Amino acid sequence: MEKIGIIDLGSNSARLVIVNLFEDGFFMVVDELKESVRLGQDMERDGFLKPQRVAETVKTLRMFKRLCDVSGVTRIIGVATEAVRRAKNQRSFLDEIQTSCGVKLRVLSAEEEAVLVYRGVINTMDIPKGVILEIGGGSTKIIYYNRRNMLRFATIPFGAVTLTDLFSGEELRPEEQAAKMEEFFLEKLNEVDWLGEIDPDAQMIGVGGSFRNLFKINKMVHKYPLDIVHNFNLQAEDFYPVYDMIKVLDLDKKKKIKGLSAERADILPAAFAIIKTFVQRLNFTNFTFSGSGLREGIMFNQAFPATVDKPILDVMNYSLTTLVKYYGCDERHVEHVVNLSVQLFKQLRVLHKFPRQYLKVLKVAAMLHDCGMRIKYYNHQRHSCYMILNSTLYGVTHREIVLAAFTACCHKKEDINAYNWNCYRDVLQEDDIEIVKRLGVMLRIAESLDRSMAGVVKGINCDILGDSVIMKTEVEGDASLEIRDALAASAEFKKSFRKNLEIL
């Protein structure tokens, strides 16, 4: 295993992430540090990075370097984006950073930056065609892809910081200033001549700190039960009231809004003006948030170099395998339980009649059903539920995460009504509790049929005869323990499927 540090120096903030690189192309973030340096502030006047901002950046990167040293980081990858890319004093700044901090920064071209953002998104989201809007401090990037191939990109040299600076000197009321920013950004947007080529079915994907803050505000306003930015979907009609509220408040009041970063309060109206203009210009009715972007693109490049040429095909399975390794689950047992669960799902389809999307939920639950043992064996099904709800899972919706978490909770006898089920009612549908109980019974039986974790039961054949399901096992060796354990689920099976269970 190798531990690396990734430093992303943007126009608004500097971020350090420390990442463990495992074998076979997997990685896990183990630490993070962020500071607001506003490196790109006031650059519009003469194109130079200002001494005060440079000094703050040097102080921050020294701190980053020290954390890397004490954390055992063996390699630091440092990149700088729009502010440094445009700076007339770029060379002297980079030299000072290397001399004072011991950190070498590489200035990304606009295309390199767009490609890394694209890779961070495409390898963590199961959206085949999309338009990525990444709002930085000094620029805004638009990236269009279709069939998981990047087709076009554009960089508009105005972001949340520079757009705020551009209109901050004018004596305008807040709503007038917001209108001016929208009008100005629309002009810049209309200069992107390929916007008309975008497939009308493409989904909008938001990347960056402004979207993360928008999620936090929405979470507080609507009491959203999950603390997961990635794959959160927001209706445009729910965004506009938030923007209308934010844009008219003075700075002190903005800083007091729950969920809003005080360091970002002054630039958020500009970021939201960009979002509104983009959404209306391209007629999006909703948009999805990505918690992954440039830094994750670098992580994939380092951990899984093959993604430089071709994105990951099965995003969900990749992230699940990462978690199985990270949580120290028994990989052979996991694989066996997944296979048996899939067989049960397919052979009992005539009873449960679930569409294929629920097989995805069952697979997530089956792969992570034992991860809670990393905390404690007793009641580990509850710990597994919590860990699934709070893990980094890619390629699944928030509803699917909740369903999978509670399905995993059911792999031991558990009353999910007593375990916070009602907290997630805004994410769930009316009949989801019955779906979870049926999936949970299937998982419980599959897990029991590998009770010795020796792979004794190789396969299952189910016959549905009258009021009974006859489950015939294909075994190699003594499967008495497995069959006995699986039969303990007979009562739950009958409640869920209205059939008696026999296992042979």
Protein backbone atom coordinates (compact mmCIF):
# COMPACT_ATOMS: atom_id res chain seq x y z
CA MET A 1 0.00 0.00 0.00
CA GLU A 2 1.20 3.51 -0.84
CA LYS A 3 0.08 6.73 0.82
CA ILE A 4 0.00 9.84 -1.36
CA GLY A 5 -1.02 13.44 -0.87
CA ILE A 6 -2.94 15.44 -3.48
CA ILE A 7 -2.89 19.23 -3.26
CA ASP A 8 -5.43 21.13 -5.34
CA LEU A 9 -4.76 24.87 -5.36
CA GLY A 10 -7.73 26.71 -6.77
CA SER A 11 -8.71 30.37 -7.05
CA ASN A 12 -10.81 30.23 -3.90
CA SER A 13 -9.46 27.43 -1.74
CA ALA A 14 -6.58 25.05 -1.26
CA ARG A 15 -7.29 21.42 -0.47
CA LEU A 16 -5.16 18.51 0.61
CA VAL A 17 -6.41 14.93 0.50
CA ILE A 18 -4.36 12.02 1.78
CA VAL A 19 -5.10 8.78 -0.02
CA ASN A 20 -4.19 5.15 0.55
CA LEU A 21 -3.55 3.32 -2.74
CA PHE A 22 -4.26 -0.40 -2.47
CA GLU A 23 -3.32 -3.19 -4.84
CA ASP A 24 -5.46 -3.96 -7.90
CA GLY A 25 -6.50 -0.35 -8.55
CA PHE A 26 -8.40 0.62 -5.40
CA PHE A 27 -8.00 3.63 -3.12
CA MET A 28 -9.47 5.28 -0.03
CA VAL A 29 -9.30 8.86 1.25
CA VAL A 30 -8.02 8.82 4.84
CA ASP A 31 -7.55 12.52 5.62
CA GLU A 32 -8.43 15.95 4.24
CA LEU A 33 -7.60 19.56 4.97
CA LYS A 34 -9.08 22.67 3.37
CA GLU A 35 -8.26 26.36 3.70
CA SER A 36 -9.82 29.40 2.02
CA VAL A 37 -6.89 31.32 0.47
CA ARG A 38 -8.74 33.43 -2.15
CA LEU A 39 -5.65 33.34 -4.37
CA GLY A 40 -7.58 34.67 -7.36
CA GLN A 41 -9.13 37.63 -5.56
CA ASP A 42 -8.45 41.10 -7.06
CA MET A 43 -6.63 39.60 -10.06
CA GLU A 44 -8.97 41.26 -12.55
CA ARG A 45 -7.23 44.62 -12.05
CA ASP A 46 -3.77 43.77 -13.36
CA GLY A 47 -3.44 39.97 -13.69
CA PHE A 48 -1.02 39.56 -10.76
CA LEU A 49 -1.38 37.35 -7.70
CA LYS A 50 -1.45 39.72 -4.75
CA PRO A 51 1.28 39.52 -2.03
CA GLN A 52 -1.22 39.03 0.78
CA ARG A 53 -2.85 36.11 -1.05
CA VAL A 54 0.51 34.59 -1.90
CA ALA A 55 1.61 34.83 1.75
CA GLU A 56 -1.61 33.13 2.90
CA THR A 57 -1.10 30.38 0.31
CA VAL A 58 2.51 29.80 1.40
CA LYS A 59 1.37 29.50 5.02
CA THR A 60 -1.34 27.01 4.03
CA LEU A 61 0.90 24.83 1.87
CA ARG A 62 3.53 24.68 4.61
CA MET A 63 0.82 23.33 6.89
CA PHE A 64 -0.23 20.81 4.22
CA LYS A 65 3.38 19.65 3.81
CA ARG A 66 3.79 19.16 7.55
CA LEU A 67 0.62 17.05 7.73
CA CYS A 68 1.87 14.94 4.81
CA ASP A 69 5.22 14.41 6.56
CA VAL A 70 3.74 13.29 9.87
CA SER A 71 1.16 11.09 8.08
CA GLY A 72 3.78 9.06 6.24
CA VAL A 73 2.95 10.37 2.78
CA THR A 74 5.60 9.18 0.32
CA ARG A 75 4.56 11.29 -2.67
CA ILE A 76 2.80 14.62 -3.12
CA ILE A 77 0.97 15.50 -6.34
CA GLY A 78 0.31 19.23 -6.45
CA VAL A 79 -1.76 20.97 -9.10
CA ALA A 80 -2.82 24.58 -9.60
CA THR A 81 -5.71 25.79 -11.72
CA GLU A 82 -7.22 29.00 -13.11
CA ALA A 83 -5.72 31.72 -10.89
CA VAL A 84 -2.15 30.49 -11.28
CA ARG A 85 -2.72 29.61 -14.92
CA ARG A 86 -3.62 33.26 -15.70
CA ALA A 87 -1.16 34.95 -13.34
CA LYS A 88 1.51 37.16 -14.88
CA ASN A 89 3.76 36.36 -11.91
CA GLN A 90 3.18 32.61 -12.24
CA ARG A 91 6.85 31.63 -12.44
CA SER A 92 7.96 33.56 -9.35
CA PHE A 93 4.97 32.23 -7.42
CA LEU A 94 5.74 28.60 -8.27
CA ASP A 95 9.40 29.08 -7.38
CA GLU A 96 8.46 30.58 -4.02
CA ILE A 97 6.09 27.70 -3.26
CA GLN A 98 8.77 25.12 -4.06
CA THR A 99 11.46 26.94 -2.07
CA SER A 100 9.33 27.86 0.95
CA CYS A 101 7.07 24.83 1.18
CA GLY A 102 8.96 22.01 -0.50
CA VAL A 103 5.96 21.43 -2.75
CA LYS A 104 6.16 21.37 -6.53
CA LEU A 105 2.96 22.52 -8.23
CA ARG A 106 2.05 21.69 -11.79
CA VAL A 107 -0.17 24.23 -13.52
CA LEU A 108 -2.94 22.39 -15.35
CA SER A 109 -4.04 23.54 -18.77
CA ALA A 110 -7.77 24.20 -19.19
CA GLU A 111 -8.10 20.91 -21.09
CA GLU A 112 -6.18 18.88 -18.48
CA GLU A 113 -8.39 20.29 -15.76
CA ALA A 114 -11.58 19.48 -17.68
CA VAL A 115 -10.40 15.93 -18.35
CA LEU A 116 -9.62 15.32 -14.67
CA VAL A 117 -13.04 16.65 -13.61
CA TYR A 118 -14.66 14.41 -16.22
CA ARG A 119 -12.74 11.35 -14.98
CA GLY A 120 -13.72 12.08 -11.39
CA VAL A 121 -17.38 12.19 -12.42
CA ILE A 122 -17.56 9.40 -14.99
CA ASN A 123 -15.85 6.84 -12.74
CA THR A 124 -18.22 7.51 -9.83
CA MET A 125 -21.63 8.07 -11.47
CA ASP A 126 -23.84 5.78 -13.51
CA ILE A 127 -25.07 8.51 -15.85
CA PRO A 128 -24.33 7.60 -19.51
CA LYS A 129 -24.79 11.10 -20.94
CA GLY A 130 -24.37 14.35 -19.09
CA VAL A 131 -23.32 17.98 -18.95
CA ILE A 132 -20.98 18.76 -16.08
CA LEU A 133 -21.02 22.28 -14.62
CA GLU A 134 -17.97 22.80 -12.40
CA ILE A 135 -17.91 26.18 -10.62
CA GLY A 136 -14.51 27.20 -9.33
CA GLY A 137 -13.32 30.43 -7.81
CA GLY A 138 -11.74 31.79 -10.98
CA SER A 139 -13.48 29.90 -13.77
CA THR A 140 -16.47 27.80 -14.71
CA LYS A 141 -16.06 24.61 -16.71
CA ILE A 142 -18.70 23.00 -18.91
CA ILE A 143 -18.03 19.42 -20.00
CA TYR A 144 -20.31 17.44 -22.28
CA TYR A 145 -20.09 13.66 -22.60
CA ASN A 146 -22.23 11.03 -24.28
CA ARG A 147 -22.01 7.24 -24.06
CA ARG A 148 -19.43 7.84 -21.34
CA ASN A 149 -17.08 9.56 -23.81
CA MET A 150 -16.03 13.18 -23.33
CA LEU A 151 -17.00 15.14 -26.44
CA ARG A 152 -16.71 18.86 -25.67
CA PHE A 153 -15.49 21.22 -22.99
CA ALA A 154 -15.38 24.96 -22.44
CA THR A 155 -13.78 27.13 -19.77
CA ILE A 156 -15.43 30.45 -18.99
CA PRO A 157 -12.83 32.62 -17.20
CA PHE A 158 -15.23 33.73 -14.47
CA GLY A 159 -16.05 31.80 -11.34
CA ALA A 160 -17.60 32.54 -7.96
CA VAL A 161 -14.72 34.76 -6.77
CA THR A 162 -13.95 36.65 -9.97
CA LEU A 163 -17.62 37.23 -10.80
CA THR A 164 -18.17 38.61 -7.30
CA ASP A 165 -15.13 40.90 -7.66
CA LEU A 166 -16.32 42.15 -11.04
CA PHE A 167 -19.55 43.61 -9.64
CA SER A 168 -18.56 44.33 -6.03
CA GLY A 169 -17.55 47.95 -6.70
CA GLU A 170 -20.91 48.99 -8.14
CA GLU A 171 -23.47 50.69 -5.88
CA LEU A 172 -26.26 48.25 -6.56
CA ARG A 173 -28.90 46.63 -4.41
CA PRO A 174 -28.22 42.89 -3.93
CA GLU A 175 -30.99 41.83 -6.31
CA GLU A 176 -29.72 44.26 -8.96
CA GLN A 177 -26.21 42.93 -8.56
CA ALA A 178 -27.51 39.37 -8.97
CA ALA A 179 -29.38 40.36 -12.14
CA LYS A 180 -26.21 41.96 -13.55
CA MET A 181 -24.22 38.79 -12.84
CA GLU A 182 -26.86 36.64 -14.52
CA GLU A 183 -26.91 38.90 -17.56
CA PHE A 184 -23.11 38.98 -17.79
CA PHE A 185 -22.72 35.21 -17.42
CA LEU A 186 -25.42 34.55 -20.00
CA GLU A 187 -23.41 36.57 -22.50
CA LYS A 188 -20.35 34.44 -21.78
CA LEU A 189 -22.41 31.27 -21.95
CA ASN A 190 -23.82 32.20 -25.35
CA GLU A 191 -20.26 32.39 -26.67
CA VAL A 192 -20.01 28.60 -26.25
CA ASP A 193 -21.12 27.67 -29.74
CA TRP A 194 -21.60 23.91 -29.22
CA LEU A 195 -24.32 24.10 -26.55
CA GLY A 196 -26.88 23.41 -29.26
CA GLU A 197 -25.28 20.00 -29.89
CA ILE A 198 -26.16 18.69 -26.43
CA ASP A 199 -28.52 15.70 -26.41
CA PRO A 200 -31.84 16.77 -24.82
CA ASP A 201 -31.73 13.62 -22.67
CA ALA A 202 -28.37 14.56 -21.13
CA GLN A 203 -28.46 15.15 -17.39
CA MET A 204 -26.90 18.14 -15.66
CA ILE A 205 -24.24 17.31 -13.06
CA GLY A 206 -23.00 19.94 -10.60
CA VAL A 207 -19.44 19.83 -9.23
CA GLY A 208 -17.66 22.04 -6.71
CA GLY A 209 -17.94 23.64 -3.28
CA SER A 210 -20.91 25.82 -4.25
CA PHE A 211 -22.98 22.73 -5.01
CA ARG A 212 -21.88 21.14 -1.73
CA ASN A 213 -23.10 24.25 0.12
CA LEU A 214 -26.35 24.20 -1.83
CA PHE A 215 -26.86 20.61 -0.69
CA LYS A 216 -26.22 21.57 2.95
CA ILE A 217 -28.71 24.42 2.79
CA ASN A 218 -31.32 22.19 1.17
CA LYS A 219 -30.66 19.49 3.77
CA MET A 220 -31.37 21.97 6.57
CA VAL A 221 -34.44 23.50 4.91
CA HIS A 222 -36.09 20.18 4.05
CA LYS A 223 -34.60 18.09 6.89
CA TYR A 224 -33.15 15.67 4.35
CA PRO A 225 -32.16 12.51 6.26
CA LEU A 226 -28.97 11.57 4.39
CA ASP A 227 -25.66 13.41 4.62
CA ILE A 228 -24.60 12.33 1.14
CA VAL A 229 -23.89 14.95 -1.52
CA HIS A 230 -22.96 12.50 -4.26
CA ASN A 231 -25.95 11.57 -6.47
CA PHE A 232 -28.30 13.98 -4.67
CA ASN A 233 -30.92 15.19 -7.14
CA LEU A 234 -32.50 18.64 -6.85
CA GLN A 235 -35.47 19.98 -8.78
CA ALA A 236 -34.86 23.39 -10.36
CA GLU A 237 -38.10 24.66 -8.81
CA ASP A 238 -36.62 23.89 -5.37
CA PHE A 239 -33.37 25.70 -6.21
CA TYR A 240 -34.89 29.05 -7.22
CA PRO A 241 -36.38 29.91 -3.77
CA VAL A 242 -33.00 29.23 -2.14
CA TYR A 243 -31.27 31.52 -4.64
CA ASP A 244 -33.92 34.24 -4.19
CA MET A 245 -33.38 34.09 -0.43
CA ILE A 246 -29.56 34.13 -0.57
CA LYS A 247 -29.11 36.90 -3.11
CA VAL A 248 -30.92 39.61 -1.11
CA LEU A 249 -29.30 38.98 2.29
CA ASP A 250 -26.41 41.03 3.59
CA LEU A 251 -23.16 39.24 4.39
CA ASP A 252 -23.72 38.92 8.13
CA LYS A 253 -27.10 37.28 7.62
CA LYS A 254 -25.70 34.92 4.95
CA LYS A 255 -23.00 33.77 7.37
CA LYS A 256 -25.68 32.79 9.89
CA ILE A 257 -27.50 30.44 7.52
CA LYS A 258 -27.24 26.88 8.81
CA GLY A 259 -25.34 24.68 6.43
CA LEU A 260 -23.62 27.55 4.64
CA SER A 261 -19.86 27.85 4.92
CA ALA A 262 -19.06 31.30 6.37
CA GLU A 263 -15.92 31.42 4.21
CA ARG A 264 -18.04 31.05 1.08
CA ALA A 265 -20.97 33.26 2.08
CA ASP A 266 -19.87 36.34 0.11
CA ILE A 267 -19.31 34.47 -3.17
CA LEU A 268 -22.33 32.15 -3.05
CA PRO A 269 -24.75 34.58 -4.78
CA ALA A 270 -22.40 34.67 -7.78
CA ALA A 271 -22.18 30.88 -7.85
CA PHE A 272 -25.96 30.57 -7.65
CA ALA A 273 -26.33 33.17 -10.42
CA ILE A 274 -24.16 30.90 -12.59
CA ILE A 275 -26.29 27.88 -11.74
CA LYS A 276 -29.56 29.68 -12.47
CA THR A 277 -28.30 31.04 -15.78
CA PHE A 278 -27.00 27.64 -16.87
CA VAL A 279 -30.16 25.76 -15.83
CA GLN A 280 -32.44 28.20 -17.66
CA ARG A 281 -30.23 28.50 -20.74
CA LEU A 282 -30.23 24.72 -21.27
CA ASN A 283 -33.79 24.14 -19.98
CA PHE A 284 -32.88 21.66 -17.24
CA THR A 285 -35.71 20.83 -14.84
CA ASN A 286 -33.39 19.18 -12.28
CA PHE A 287 -29.73 18.48 -11.67
CA THR A 288 -27.62 15.91 -9.87
CA PHE A 289 -24.73 16.70 -7.53
CA SER A 290 -21.36 14.99 -7.79
CA GLY A 291 -19.14 14.76 -4.76
CA SER A 292 -16.29 13.79 -7.07
CA GLY A 293 -14.31 16.02 -9.39
CA LEU A 294 -10.73 17.01 -10.16
CA ARG A 295 -9.10 15.43 -7.10
CA GLU A 296 -10.91 12.14 -7.63
CA GLY A 297 -9.80 12.25 -11.26
CA ILE A 298 -6.20 12.37 -10.04
CA MET A 299 -6.90 9.54 -7.59
CA PHE A 300 -8.19 7.30 -10.37
CA ASN A 301 -5.19 8.17 -12.54
CA GLN A 302 -2.84 7.12 -9.73
CA ALA A 303 -4.67 4.05 -8.42
CA PHE A 304 -6.11 2.70 -11.65
CA PRO A 305 -4.06 3.98 -14.61
CA ALA A 306 -6.28 2.11 -17.11
CA THR A 307 -8.97 4.76 -16.50
CA VAL A 308 -6.78 7.24 -18.38
CA ASP A 309 -7.85 5.49 -21.59
CA LYS A 310 -11.22 4.02 -20.64
CA PRO A 311 -13.61 4.74 -17.74
CA ILE A 312 -14.72 2.08 -15.29
CA LEU A 313 -17.63 0.15 -16.78
CA ASP A 314 -19.26 -1.10 -13.56
CA VAL A 315 -19.07 1.90 -11.22
CA MET A 316 -21.16 0.31 -8.47
CA ASN A 317 -19.18 -2.93 -8.33
CA TYR A 318 -15.89 -1.01 -8.26
CA SER A 319 -16.94 1.04 -5.23
CA LEU A 320 -18.40 -2.01 -3.46
CA THR A 321 -15.20 -3.99 -3.98
CA THR A 322 -13.22 -1.05 -2.58
CA LEU A 323 -15.35 -1.09 0.58
CA VAL A 324 -15.16 -4.88 0.95
CA LYS A 325 -11.37 -4.62 0.93
CA TYR A 326 -11.26 -1.56 3.17
CA TYR A 327 -13.62 -3.05 5.77
CA GLY A 328 -11.71 -6.35 5.77
CA CYS A 329 -14.69 -8.52 4.81
CA ASP A 330 -14.08 -12.16 3.87
CA GLU A 331 -14.02 -11.80 0.08
CA ARG A 332 -14.76 -15.47 -0.68
CA HIS A 333 -17.76 -15.46 1.66
CA VAL A 334 -18.99 -12.17 0.18
CA GLU A 335 -18.76 -13.54 -3.37
CA HIS A 336 -20.59 -16.71 -2.37
CA VAL A 337 -23.42 -14.86 -0.60
CA VAL A 338 -23.83 -12.54 -3.59
CA ASN A 339 -24.07 -15.50 -5.99
CA LEU A 340 -26.62 -17.31 -3.83
CA SER A 341 -28.64 -14.10 -3.37
CA VAL A 342 -28.77 -13.56 -7.13
CA GLN A 343 -29.94 -17.15 -7.66
CA LEU A 344 -32.71 -16.71 -5.10
CA PHE A 345 -33.81 -13.41 -6.62
CA LYS A 346 -34.09 -14.94 -10.08
CA GLN A 347 -35.75 -18.19 -9.00
CA LEU A 348 -38.31 -16.48 -6.78
CA ARG A 349 -39.17 -13.80 -9.32
CA VAL A 350 -42.60 -15.31 -9.93
CA LEU A 351 -43.38 -14.61 -6.26
CA HIS A 352 -41.79 -11.22 -5.64
CA LYS A 353 -42.23 -9.82 -9.19
CA PHE A 354 -39.56 -7.16 -8.60
CA PRO A 355 -38.03 -5.39 -11.61
CA ARG A 356 -34.29 -5.84 -12.19
CA GLN A 357 -33.38 -2.60 -10.37
CA TYR A 358 -34.01 -4.35 -7.04
CA LEU A 359 -31.37 -6.95 -7.85
CA LYS A 360 -28.94 -4.02 -7.68
CA VAL A 361 -30.17 -3.23 -4.15
CA LEU A 362 -29.78 -6.88 -3.12
CA LYS A 363 -26.21 -7.00 -4.48
CA VAL A 364 -25.20 -3.94 -2.46
CA ALA A 365 -26.68 -5.45 0.70
CA ALA A 366 -25.11 -8.85 0.04
CA MET A 367 -21.62 -7.45 -0.53
CA LEU A 368 -21.68 -5.31 2.62
CA HIS A 369 -23.90 -7.38 4.91
CA ASP A 370 -21.02 -8.23 7.26
CA CYS A 371 -19.11 -4.93 7.19
CA GLY A 372 -20.54 -4.04 10.61
CA MET A 373 -18.32 -6.72 12.18
CA ARG A 374 -15.51 -4.19 11.85
CA ILE A 375 -17.23 -2.48 14.82
CA LYS A 376 -18.55 -5.49 16.77
CA TYR A 377 -19.93 -8.96 16.02
CA TYR A 378 -22.98 -8.65 18.26
CA ASN A 379 -25.78 -6.83 16.43
CA HIS A 380 -23.40 -6.34 13.53
CA GLN A 381 -26.37 -6.17 11.17
CA ARG A 382 -27.26 -2.79 12.72
CA HIS A 383 -23.68 -1.59 12.35
CA SER A 384 -23.72 -2.77 8.72
CA CYS A 385 -26.89 -0.75 8.14
CA TYR A 386 -25.27 2.39 9.57
CA MET A 387 -22.04 1.87 7.60
CA ILE A 388 -23.87 1.43 4.29
CA LEU A 389 -25.84 4.60 4.97
CA ASN A 390 -22.60 6.49 5.58
CA SER A 391 -20.14 4.89 3.15
CA THR A 392 -18.90 6.26 -0.15
CA LEU A 393 -21.07 4.34 -2.60
CA TYR A 394 -20.97 5.08 -6.32
CA GLY A 395 -23.44 4.19 -9.04
CA VAL A 396 -26.50 3.98 -6.76
CA THR A 397 -29.26 6.44 -5.92
CA HIS A 398 -29.96 7.64 -2.39
CA ARG A 399 -33.14 5.55 -2.24
CA GLU A 400 -31.20 2.45 -3.31
CA ILE A 401 -28.63 3.11 -0.57
CA VAL A 402 -31.36 3.25 2.08
CA LEU A 403 -33.05 0.09 0.75
CA ALA A 404 -29.73 -1.76 0.67
CA ALA A 405 -28.82 -0.63 4.20
CA PHE A 406 -32.07 -1.94 5.67
CA THR A 407 -31.92 -5.13 3.58
CA ALA A 408 -28.48 -5.79 5.12
CA CYS A 409 -30.02 -5.09 8.54
CA CYS A 410 -32.47 -7.93 7.86
CA HIS A 411 -29.82 -10.60 7.24
CA LYS A 412 -30.19 -11.35 10.94
CA LYS A 413 -33.63 -11.36 12.53
CA GLU A 414 -34.34 -7.66 13.00
CA ASP A 415 -37.38 -5.41 13.36
CA ILE A 416 -36.52 -2.59 10.98
CA ASN A 417 -39.49 -0.56 12.22
CA ALA A 418 -37.58 -0.16 15.47
CA TYR A 419 -34.39 0.95 13.72
CA ASN A 420 -34.99 4.49 12.41
CA TRP A 421 -36.95 3.42 9.32
CA ASN A 422 -39.33 6.36 9.63
CA CYS A 423 -36.42 8.83 9.55
CA TYR A 424 -36.00 8.07 5.84
CA ARG A 425 -39.62 8.28 4.74
CA ASP A 426 -38.90 11.32 2.52
CA VAL A 427 -36.46 9.20 0.49
CA LEU A 428 -38.61 6.07 0.36
CA GLN A 429 -41.84 5.01 -1.31
CA GLU A 430 -44.97 3.67 0.34
CA ASP A 431 -44.40 -0.05 -0.24
CA ASP A 432 -40.62 -0.04 0.30
CA ILE A 433 -40.81 -1.68 3.72
CA GLU A 434 -42.35 -4.80 2.17
CA ILE A 435 -39.71 -4.78 -0.56
CA VAL A 436 -36.94 -4.61 2.04
CA LYS A 437 -38.44 -7.47 4.06
CA ARG A 438 -38.56 -9.72 1.00
CA LEU A 439 -35.05 -8.83 -0.09
CA GLY A 440 -33.90 -9.24 3.52
CA VAL A 441 -35.30 -12.77 3.74
CA MET A 442 -33.51 -13.74 0.53
CA LEU A 443 -30.26 -12.32 1.87
CA ARG A 444 -30.72 -14.06 5.21
CA ILE A 445 -31.20 -17.43 3.51
CA ALA A 446 -28.24 -16.87 1.16
CA GLU A 447 -26.00 -15.92 4.09
CA SER A 448 -27.16 -18.96 6.07
CA LEU A 449 -26.38 -21.26 3.16
CA ASP A 450 -22.74 -20.26 3.58
CA ARG A 451 -22.86 -20.40 7.38
CA SER A 452 -19.56 -22.27 7.66
CA MET A 453 -18.01 -19.91 5.08
CA ALA A 454 -16.68 -23.02 3.32
CA GLY A 455 -18.70 -22.73 0.11
CA VAL A 456 -20.44 -26.07 0.72
CA VAL A 457 -23.69 -25.06 -1.00
CA LYS A 458 -22.82 -24.50 -4.64
CA GLY A 459 -26.25 -23.75 -6.04
CA ILE A 460 -29.99 -23.60 -5.42
CA ASN A 461 -32.99 -24.83 -7.42
CA CYS A 462 -36.42 -23.65 -6.29
CA ASP A 463 -39.71 -25.36 -7.13
CA ILE A 464 -42.93 -23.54 -6.25
CA LEU A 465 -45.58 -26.17 -5.53
CA GLY A 466 -48.96 -25.08 -4.15
CA ASP A 467 -48.43 -23.37 -0.82
CA SER A 468 -44.75 -24.34 -0.55
CA VAL A 469 -41.37 -23.48 -1.98
CA ILE A 470 -39.08 -26.51 -2.23
CA MET A 471 -35.49 -25.32 -2.19
CA LYS A 472 -33.07 -28.00 -3.43
CA THR A 473 -29.40 -27.37 -2.65
CA GLU A 474 -26.44 -28.49 -4.73
CA VAL A 475 -23.75 -29.34 -2.21
CA GLU A 476 -20.19 -30.60 -1.92
CA GLY A 477 -19.79 -32.00 1.57
CA ASP A 478 -21.93 -31.81 4.71
CA ALA A 479 -24.43 -28.94 4.48
CA SER A 480 -26.45 -29.78 7.59
CA LEU A 481 -25.31 -26.63 9.40
CA GLU A 482 -26.19 -24.43 6.43
CA ILE A 483 -29.63 -25.97 5.89
CA ARG A 484 -30.46 -25.85 9.60
CA ASP A 485 -29.50 -22.17 9.77
CA ALA A 486 -31.45 -21.28 6.62
CA LEU A 487 -34.59 -23.01 7.90
CA ALA A 488 -34.57 -20.65 10.88
CA ALA A 489 -35.83 -18.02 8.41
CA SER A 490 -38.95 -20.06 7.57
CA ALA A 491 -41.32 -17.87 9.59
CA GLU A 492 -40.06 -14.65 7.98
CA PHE A 493 -40.17 -16.32 4.56
CA LYS A 494 -43.83 -17.25 5.05
CA LYS A 495 -44.74 -13.73 6.20
CA SER A 496 -43.07 -12.19 3.17
CA PHE A 497 -43.98 -14.68 0.42
CA ARG A 498 -47.06 -16.44 1.92
CA LYS A 499 -45.42 -19.77 1.21
CA ASN A 500 -43.98 -22.51 3.42
CA LEU A 501 -40.26 -23.12 3.00
CA GLU A 502 -38.63 -26.50 2.68
CA ILE A 503 -34.91 -26.90 2.10
CA LEU A 504 -33.45 -30.16 0.89
